[in-house]
N, C-alpha and C. Protein backbone atom coordinates (compact mmCIF):
# COMPACT_ATOMS: atom_id res chain seq x y z
N MET A 1 0.84 -1.17 0.00
CA MET A 1 0.00 0.00 0.00
C MET A 1 0.90 1.25 0.00
N LYS A 2 0.55 2.21 -0.82
CA LYS A 2 1.31 3.45 -0.92
C LYS A 2 1.05 4.31 0.31
N ARG A 3 2.07 5.05 0.76
CA ARG A 3 1.94 5.96 1.89
C ARG A 3 2.35 7.36 1.45
N VAL A 4 1.50 8.35 1.78
CA VAL A 4 1.79 9.72 1.39
C VAL A 4 1.51 10.67 2.56
N ILE A 5 2.23 11.78 2.56
CA ILE A 5 1.97 12.87 3.50
C ILE A 5 1.35 14.00 2.69
N ILE A 6 0.21 14.50 3.15
CA ILE A 6 -0.53 15.49 2.38
C ILE A 6 -0.74 16.74 3.22
N ASP A 7 -0.42 17.88 2.62
CA ASP A 7 -0.70 19.16 3.26
C ASP A 7 -2.20 19.43 3.10
N SER A 8 -2.80 20.05 4.09
CA SER A 8 -4.24 20.29 4.03
C SER A 8 -4.66 21.17 2.86
N LYS A 9 -3.74 21.92 2.29
CA LYS A 9 -4.06 22.74 1.11
C LYS A 9 -4.29 21.89 -0.13
N ASN A 10 -3.80 20.65 -0.11
CA ASN A 10 -3.86 19.78 -1.28
C ASN A 10 -4.87 18.65 -1.14
N LEU A 11 -5.86 18.80 -0.29
CA LEU A 11 -6.82 17.73 -0.07
C LEU A 11 -7.79 17.59 -1.23
N THR A 12 -8.09 16.35 -1.56
CA THR A 12 -9.11 16.06 -2.56
C THR A 12 -10.42 15.77 -1.84
N ASP A 13 -11.53 15.80 -2.56
CA ASP A 13 -12.82 15.47 -1.96
C ASP A 13 -12.80 14.06 -1.39
N GLU A 14 -12.12 13.14 -2.06
CA GLU A 14 -12.04 11.76 -1.60
C GLU A 14 -11.37 11.68 -0.23
N ILE A 15 -10.31 12.44 -0.03
CA ILE A 15 -9.61 12.42 1.26
C ILE A 15 -10.45 13.09 2.33
N ILE A 16 -11.12 14.19 2.00
CA ILE A 16 -11.98 14.85 2.99
C ILE A 16 -13.12 13.93 3.40
N GLU A 17 -13.69 13.20 2.44
CA GLU A 17 -14.75 12.24 2.76
C GLU A 17 -14.21 11.15 3.70
N ALA A 18 -12.98 10.70 3.47
CA ALA A 18 -12.37 9.68 4.34
C ALA A 18 -12.16 10.24 5.74
N ILE A 19 -11.78 11.51 5.84
CA ILE A 19 -11.62 12.15 7.15
C ILE A 19 -12.96 12.20 7.87
N ASN A 20 -14.00 12.63 7.17
CA ASN A 20 -15.34 12.71 7.76
C ASN A 20 -15.84 11.35 8.21
N GLU A 21 -15.53 10.33 7.44
CA GLU A 21 -15.97 8.97 7.78
C GLU A 21 -15.24 8.46 9.02
N LYS A 22 -13.93 8.66 9.07
CA LYS A 22 -13.15 8.14 10.19
C LYS A 22 -13.31 8.98 11.45
N TYR A 23 -13.48 10.29 11.27
CA TYR A 23 -13.58 11.21 12.41
C TYR A 23 -14.87 12.02 12.31
N PRO A 24 -16.04 11.37 12.42
CA PRO A 24 -17.31 12.10 12.21
C PRO A 24 -17.55 13.22 13.23
N TYR A 25 -16.95 13.11 14.41
CA TYR A 25 -17.12 14.13 15.44
C TYR A 25 -15.84 14.92 15.65
N GLY A 26 -14.94 14.86 14.69
CA GLY A 26 -13.65 15.53 14.80
C GLY A 26 -12.61 14.60 15.38
N TYR A 27 -11.38 15.05 15.38
CA TYR A 27 -10.29 14.22 15.91
C TYR A 27 -9.80 14.82 17.21
N ASP A 28 -9.25 13.95 18.07
CA ASP A 28 -8.72 14.35 19.37
C ASP A 28 -7.21 14.22 19.36
N ASP A 29 -6.61 14.63 20.45
CA ASP A 29 -5.15 14.56 20.59
C ASP A 29 -4.63 13.14 20.39
N GLU A 30 -5.39 12.14 20.85
CA GLU A 30 -4.91 10.75 20.71
C GLU A 30 -4.95 10.26 19.26
N ASP A 31 -5.67 10.98 18.39
CA ASP A 31 -5.73 10.61 16.97
C ASP A 31 -4.56 11.19 16.18
N ILE A 32 -3.84 12.13 16.77
CA ILE A 32 -2.78 12.84 16.07
C ILE A 32 -1.46 12.08 16.18
N ILE A 33 -0.81 11.89 15.05
CA ILE A 33 0.50 11.24 14.97
C ILE A 33 1.54 12.34 14.81
N LYS A 34 2.59 12.30 15.62
CA LYS A 34 3.67 13.29 15.50
C LYS A 34 4.93 12.58 15.05
N PHE A 35 5.63 13.21 14.09
CA PHE A 35 6.87 12.64 13.57
C PHE A 35 7.76 13.76 13.07
N LYS A 36 9.02 13.45 12.84
CA LYS A 36 9.97 14.43 12.30
C LYS A 36 10.06 14.21 10.79
N ASN A 37 10.01 15.30 10.03
CA ASN A 37 10.17 15.20 8.59
C ASN A 37 11.66 15.22 8.23
N ALA A 38 11.96 15.23 6.95
CA ALA A 38 13.34 15.18 6.48
C ALA A 38 14.15 16.39 6.92
N LYS A 39 13.45 17.51 7.20
CA LYS A 39 14.14 18.72 7.65
C LYS A 39 14.32 18.75 9.17
N GLY A 40 13.85 17.71 9.86
CA GLY A 40 13.95 17.64 11.30
C GLY A 40 12.85 18.39 12.03
N GLU A 41 11.84 18.86 11.28
CA GLU A 41 10.71 19.57 11.88
C GLU A 41 9.68 18.57 12.37
N THR A 42 9.04 18.87 13.49
CA THR A 42 7.98 18.02 14.00
C THR A 42 6.70 18.31 13.24
N VAL A 43 6.08 17.25 12.74
CA VAL A 43 4.85 17.35 11.96
C VAL A 43 3.76 16.61 12.71
N SER A 44 2.57 17.21 12.78
CA SER A 44 1.41 16.57 13.37
C SER A 44 0.44 16.23 12.25
N ALA A 45 -0.10 15.00 12.27
CA ALA A 45 -0.98 14.56 11.19
C ALA A 45 -1.99 13.56 11.71
N ILE A 46 -3.07 13.39 10.95
CA ILE A 46 -4.02 12.32 11.21
C ILE A 46 -3.93 11.33 10.06
N GLN A 47 -4.24 10.08 10.34
CA GLN A 47 -4.13 9.04 9.32
C GLN A 47 -5.51 8.66 8.81
N VAL A 48 -5.64 8.62 7.50
CA VAL A 48 -6.84 8.10 6.84
C VAL A 48 -6.42 7.22 5.69
N GLU A 49 -7.31 6.34 5.30
CA GLU A 49 -7.01 5.45 4.17
C GLU A 49 -8.03 5.66 3.06
N ILE A 50 -7.50 5.69 1.85
CA ILE A 50 -8.32 5.65 0.64
C ILE A 50 -7.83 4.43 -0.12
N PRO A 51 -8.55 3.98 -1.12
CA PRO A 51 -8.12 2.75 -1.80
C PRO A 51 -6.63 2.79 -2.19
N ASP A 52 -5.90 1.80 -1.75
CA ASP A 52 -4.49 1.59 -2.07
C ASP A 52 -3.53 2.64 -1.51
N THR A 53 -4.02 3.54 -0.63
CA THR A 53 -3.14 4.58 -0.11
C THR A 53 -3.45 4.88 1.35
N VAL A 54 -2.40 4.96 2.15
CA VAL A 54 -2.50 5.44 3.53
C VAL A 54 -2.03 6.88 3.50
N CYS A 55 -2.87 7.79 3.97
CA CYS A 55 -2.56 9.22 3.93
C CYS A 55 -2.33 9.75 5.33
N LEU A 56 -1.24 10.48 5.51
CA LEU A 56 -1.04 11.25 6.72
C LEU A 56 -1.34 12.69 6.32
N VAL A 57 -2.41 13.24 6.89
CA VAL A 57 -2.85 14.58 6.55
C VAL A 57 -2.39 15.52 7.66
N LYS A 58 -1.61 16.51 7.26
CA LYS A 58 -1.08 17.46 8.24
C LYS A 58 -2.23 18.18 8.93
N VAL A 59 -2.13 18.28 10.26
CA VAL A 59 -3.16 18.91 11.08
C VAL A 59 -2.85 20.39 11.24
N GLY A 60 -3.88 21.20 11.20
CA GLY A 60 -3.73 22.63 11.42
C GLY A 60 -5.02 23.35 11.16
N VAL A 61 -4.99 24.64 11.27
CA VAL A 61 -6.18 25.46 11.06
C VAL A 61 -6.71 25.26 9.64
N GLU A 62 -5.84 25.16 8.68
CA GLU A 62 -6.26 25.00 7.28
C GLU A 62 -7.06 23.70 7.10
N LEU A 63 -6.66 22.62 7.75
CA LEU A 63 -7.40 21.35 7.65
C LEU A 63 -8.81 21.54 8.18
N ASP A 64 -8.94 22.16 9.34
CA ASP A 64 -10.26 22.38 9.92
C ASP A 64 -11.14 23.21 8.99
N LYS A 65 -10.58 24.25 8.40
CA LYS A 65 -11.34 25.10 7.48
C LYS A 65 -11.81 24.33 6.26
N ARG A 66 -10.90 23.53 5.68
CA ARG A 66 -11.24 22.77 4.46
C ARG A 66 -12.35 21.76 4.72
N VAL A 67 -12.26 21.03 5.84
CA VAL A 67 -13.28 20.03 6.15
C VAL A 67 -14.61 20.71 6.44
N GLU A 68 -14.58 21.80 7.19
CA GLU A 68 -15.81 22.53 7.50
C GLU A 68 -16.46 23.06 6.23
N GLN A 69 -15.68 23.65 5.33
CA GLN A 69 -16.22 24.17 4.08
C GLN A 69 -16.80 23.06 3.21
N PHE A 70 -16.12 21.92 3.17
CA PHE A 70 -16.61 20.77 2.41
C PHE A 70 -17.96 20.34 2.96
N ASN A 71 -18.08 20.26 4.28
CA ASN A 71 -19.33 19.84 4.90
C ASN A 71 -20.44 20.85 4.66
N LEU A 72 -20.12 22.14 4.70
CA LEU A 72 -21.12 23.16 4.41
C LEU A 72 -21.60 23.06 2.96
N ASP A 73 -20.67 22.88 2.04
CA ASP A 73 -21.02 22.72 0.63
C ASP A 73 -21.89 21.49 0.42
N ASP A 74 -21.55 20.41 1.11
CA ASP A 74 -22.30 19.16 1.00
C ASP A 74 -23.71 19.35 1.57
N ASP A 75 -23.83 20.07 2.69
CA ASP A 75 -25.15 20.34 3.27
C ASP A 75 -25.99 21.19 2.33
N ASP A 76 -25.38 22.16 1.66
CA ASP A 76 -26.10 23.00 0.71
C ASP A 76 -26.64 22.16 -0.43
N ASP A 77 -25.87 21.18 -0.90
CA ASP A 77 -26.33 20.30 -1.97
C ASP A 77 -27.52 19.48 -1.52
N ASP A 78 -27.48 18.99 -0.27
CA ASP A 78 -28.58 18.19 0.27
C ASP A 78 -29.85 19.03 0.40
N ASP A 79 -29.72 20.29 0.79
CA ASP A 79 -30.87 21.16 1.00
C ASP A 79 -31.60 21.48 -0.30
N SER A 80 -30.91 21.43 -1.43
CA SER A 80 -31.54 21.80 -2.69
C SER A 80 -32.62 20.82 -3.11
N SER A 81 -32.61 19.61 -2.57
CA SER A 81 -33.62 18.62 -2.95
C SER A 81 -34.81 18.63 -2.01
N VAL A 82 -34.79 19.47 -0.98
CA VAL A 82 -35.87 19.53 -0.01
C VAL A 82 -36.80 20.68 -0.36
N ASP A 83 -38.11 20.43 -0.36
CA ASP A 83 -39.06 21.50 -0.61
C ASP A 83 -39.09 22.45 0.56
N ASP A 84 -39.12 23.72 0.27
CA ASP A 84 -39.17 24.73 1.31
C ASP A 84 -40.63 25.08 1.56
N ALA A 85 -41.11 24.81 2.75
CA ALA A 85 -42.52 25.02 3.07
C ALA A 85 -42.90 26.50 3.00
N THR A 86 -41.95 27.38 3.15
CA THR A 86 -42.27 28.81 3.10
C THR A 86 -42.61 29.26 1.69
N ASP A 87 -42.30 28.47 0.68
CA ASP A 87 -42.64 28.82 -0.69
C ASP A 87 -44.08 28.45 -1.05
N ALA A 88 -44.71 27.65 -0.19
CA ALA A 88 -46.08 27.21 -0.47
C ALA A 88 -47.04 28.37 -0.22
N PRO A 89 -48.09 28.47 -1.03
CA PRO A 89 -49.06 29.55 -0.81
C PRO A 89 -49.78 29.36 0.52
N GLU A 90 -50.06 30.47 1.17
CA GLU A 90 -50.77 30.40 2.44
C GLU A 90 -52.24 30.16 2.18
N GLU A 91 -52.84 29.39 3.06
CA GLU A 91 -54.27 29.12 2.94
C GLU A 91 -54.96 29.65 4.19
N ASP A 92 -56.17 30.11 4.03
CA ASP A 92 -56.94 30.57 5.18
C ASP A 92 -57.71 29.38 5.73
N PHE A 93 -57.64 29.20 7.03
CA PHE A 93 -58.36 28.12 7.69
C PHE A 93 -59.33 28.73 8.68
N GLU A 94 -60.51 28.19 8.71
CA GLU A 94 -61.47 28.66 9.69
C GLU A 94 -61.44 27.73 10.88
N ASP A 95 -61.53 28.33 12.06
CA ASP A 95 -61.54 27.53 13.31
C ASP A 95 -62.86 26.89 13.56
């Protein structure tokens, strides 16, 4: 299986969906993997899997923003198929 490290700026929809599936309520400190990169810098990441690839996604503010925006966009798509009751004509009812 291929292993990659991905910056949150380079996330695909497939990876964001994998993050949402694995961490539906968000990730905690125990989910974060810390390691040193080739430059000796400490990197924090979460691990998700997509077909044939294990991804370490760098954790940070940008990751949170991208996942939140993806979820908002997805919710907007879901809402478009729901009828809005406020668009229905009002009817007069007698008591």
